[in-house]
Amino acid sequence: MYLYFGRVRVGPLVGYLWLLGRRLYLRVGWRPRDTVYLGSVDDLLGVAVRVRRLVPRPLPVRHLVAALVDALKKAYYVASRYRDSPRWKIRAWEAAMAIEYAASALAMYWPSAAKKILDDG
């Protein structure tokens, strides 16, 4: 079972974001072939570029990263507040650590977005 981040909307593209290990997936439909591999949590800008390729009209990368930041903020809340489950393929503390690592990598390019992920308020 994957760790579910939440529903993501970027322009006309709507899907559900999932995490397996450090890999991000976007599910845009109900068929198995509708699941798209986006990349690693370690490289959020690469993920944003892959999402941008899926969107039919051009969108700025900053909007894509902002949508990913919102999803990662939700996932960080879940990973930091809840205990582990035997059904998860990733432990809650591992997910929180991966998201903190992604936030620190994102801080090099966009410091205000990285602060929004780890902000408790």
Protein backbone atom coordinates (compact mmCIF):
# COMPACT_ATOMS: atom_id res chain seq x y z
CA MET A 1 0.00 0.00 0.00
CA TYR A 2 1.24 3.50 -0.81
CA LEU A 3 1.34 6.55 1.42
CA TYR A 4 -1.41 8.82 0.07
CA PHE A 5 -0.60 12.54 -0.16
CA GLY A 6 -3.85 13.86 -1.47
CA ARG A 7 -5.60 15.26 -4.48
CA VAL A 8 -3.49 17.63 -6.56
CA ARG A 9 -4.83 20.12 -9.10
CA VAL A 10 -2.46 21.94 -11.43
CA GLY A 11 -4.31 23.74 -14.18
CA PRO A 12 -6.35 21.17 -16.10
CA LEU A 13 -4.44 18.22 -14.60
CA VAL A 14 -6.12 16.59 -11.59
CA GLY A 15 -4.79 13.48 -9.92
CA TYR A 16 -3.89 11.75 -6.70
CA LEU A 17 -0.31 11.85 -5.43
CA TRP A 18 1.20 8.72 -3.85
CA LEU A 19 4.56 7.87 -2.29
CA LEU A 20 6.27 4.48 -2.39
CA GLY A 21 9.66 4.60 -0.73
CA ARG A 22 11.15 7.80 -2.13
CA ARG A 23 9.29 7.58 -5.45
CA LEU A 24 6.34 9.79 -6.30
CA TYR A 25 3.44 8.60 -8.45
CA LEU A 26 0.47 10.49 -9.86
CA ARG A 27 -2.72 8.61 -10.55
CA VAL A 28 -4.92 10.46 -13.06
CA GLY A 29 -7.50 7.74 -13.71
CA TRP A 30 -8.85 4.44 -12.43
CA ARG A 31 -6.88 2.17 -14.80
CA PRO A 32 -3.44 0.85 -13.81
CA ARG A 33 -1.87 2.47 -16.89
CA ASP A 34 -3.12 5.87 -15.66
CA THR A 35 -0.48 5.85 -12.91
CA VAL A 36 2.52 7.97 -13.88
CA TYR A 37 5.96 7.82 -12.24
CA LEU A 38 7.04 11.38 -11.44
CA GLY A 39 10.46 10.85 -9.94
CA SER A 40 12.17 10.88 -6.58
CA VAL A 41 11.25 13.03 -3.60
CA ASP A 42 14.88 14.13 -3.55
CA ASP A 43 14.47 16.00 -6.86
CA LEU A 44 11.30 18.10 -6.65
CA LEU A 45 12.23 20.32 -9.57
CA GLY A 46 12.63 17.23 -11.77
CA VAL A 47 9.20 16.09 -10.59
CA ALA A 48 7.77 19.51 -11.47
CA VAL A 49 9.23 19.27 -14.97
CA ARG A 50 7.67 15.81 -15.45
CA VAL A 51 4.29 17.11 -14.30
CA ARG A 52 4.66 20.07 -16.64
CA ARG A 53 5.05 17.64 -19.56
CA LEU A 54 1.71 16.05 -18.64
CA VAL A 55 -0.15 19.38 -18.68
CA PRO A 56 -1.38 20.31 -22.17
CA ARG A 57 -0.86 24.04 -21.85
CA PRO A 58 2.30 25.71 -20.60
CA LEU A 59 2.38 26.44 -16.87
CA PRO A 60 5.19 27.94 -14.82
CA VAL A 61 7.32 25.50 -12.85
CA ARG A 62 6.77 27.56 -9.68
CA HIS A 63 3.04 26.77 -9.75
CA LEU A 64 3.79 23.07 -10.09
CA VAL A 65 6.26 23.16 -7.22
CA ALA A 66 3.69 25.05 -5.12
CA ALA A 67 1.14 22.26 -5.70
CA LEU A 68 3.75 19.67 -4.72
CA VAL A 69 4.60 21.71 -1.62
CA ASP A 70 0.96 21.64 -0.53
CA ALA A 71 0.80 17.86 -1.02
CA LEU A 72 4.09 17.35 0.84
CA LYS A 73 2.85 19.53 3.70
CA LYS A 74 -0.19 17.26 4.10
CA ALA A 75 1.99 14.17 3.96
CA TYR A 76 4.41 15.60 6.51
CA TYR A 77 1.52 16.20 8.88
CA VAL A 78 0.35 12.60 8.49
CA ALA A 79 3.85 11.15 8.87
CA SER A 80 4.70 13.22 11.93
CA ARG A 81 1.40 12.73 13.81
CA TYR A 82 0.47 9.10 13.18
CA ARG A 83 2.09 5.86 14.19
CA ASP A 84 3.36 3.20 11.80
CA SER A 85 1.04 0.69 10.22
CA PRO A 86 2.07 -2.81 9.09
CA ARG A 87 0.29 -2.16 5.77
CA TRP A 88 2.53 0.76 4.84
CA LYS A 89 5.56 0.04 2.66
CA ILE A 90 7.30 2.95 4.38
CA ARG A 91 7.48 3.81 8.06
CA ALA A 92 6.05 7.13 9.19
CA TRP A 93 9.43 8.38 10.42
CA GLU A 94 11.02 7.44 7.07
CA ALA A 95 8.36 9.45 5.23
CA ALA A 96 8.90 12.43 7.53
CA MET A 97 12.66 12.18 7.02
CA ALA A 98 12.28 11.99 3.21
CA ILE A 99 9.99 15.03 3.22
CA GLU A 100 12.41 16.99 5.42
CA TYR A 101 15.20 16.09 3.00
CA ALA A 102 13.07 17.24 0.07
CA ALA A 103 12.34 20.50 1.89
CA SER A 104 16.04 21.12 2.50
CA ALA A 105 16.81 20.44 -1.17
CA LEU A 106 13.97 22.76 -2.20
CA ALA A 107 15.32 25.48 0.12
CA MET A 108 18.25 26.01 -2.23
CA TYR A 109 15.94 27.03 -5.08
CA TRP A 110 12.88 28.44 -3.29
CA PRO A 111 13.38 29.13 0.45
CA SER A 112 9.85 30.35 1.18
CA ALA A 113 8.29 27.15 -0.23
CA ALA A 114 10.55 24.97 1.92
CA LYS A 115 9.43 26.86 5.03
CA LYS A 116 5.77 26.23 4.15
CA ILE A 117 6.28 22.43 4.18
CA LEU A 118 7.66 22.23 7.70
CA ASP A 119 5.56 25.05 9.19
CA ASP A 120 3.18 23.71 11.83
CA GLY A 121 0.77 26.64 11.59
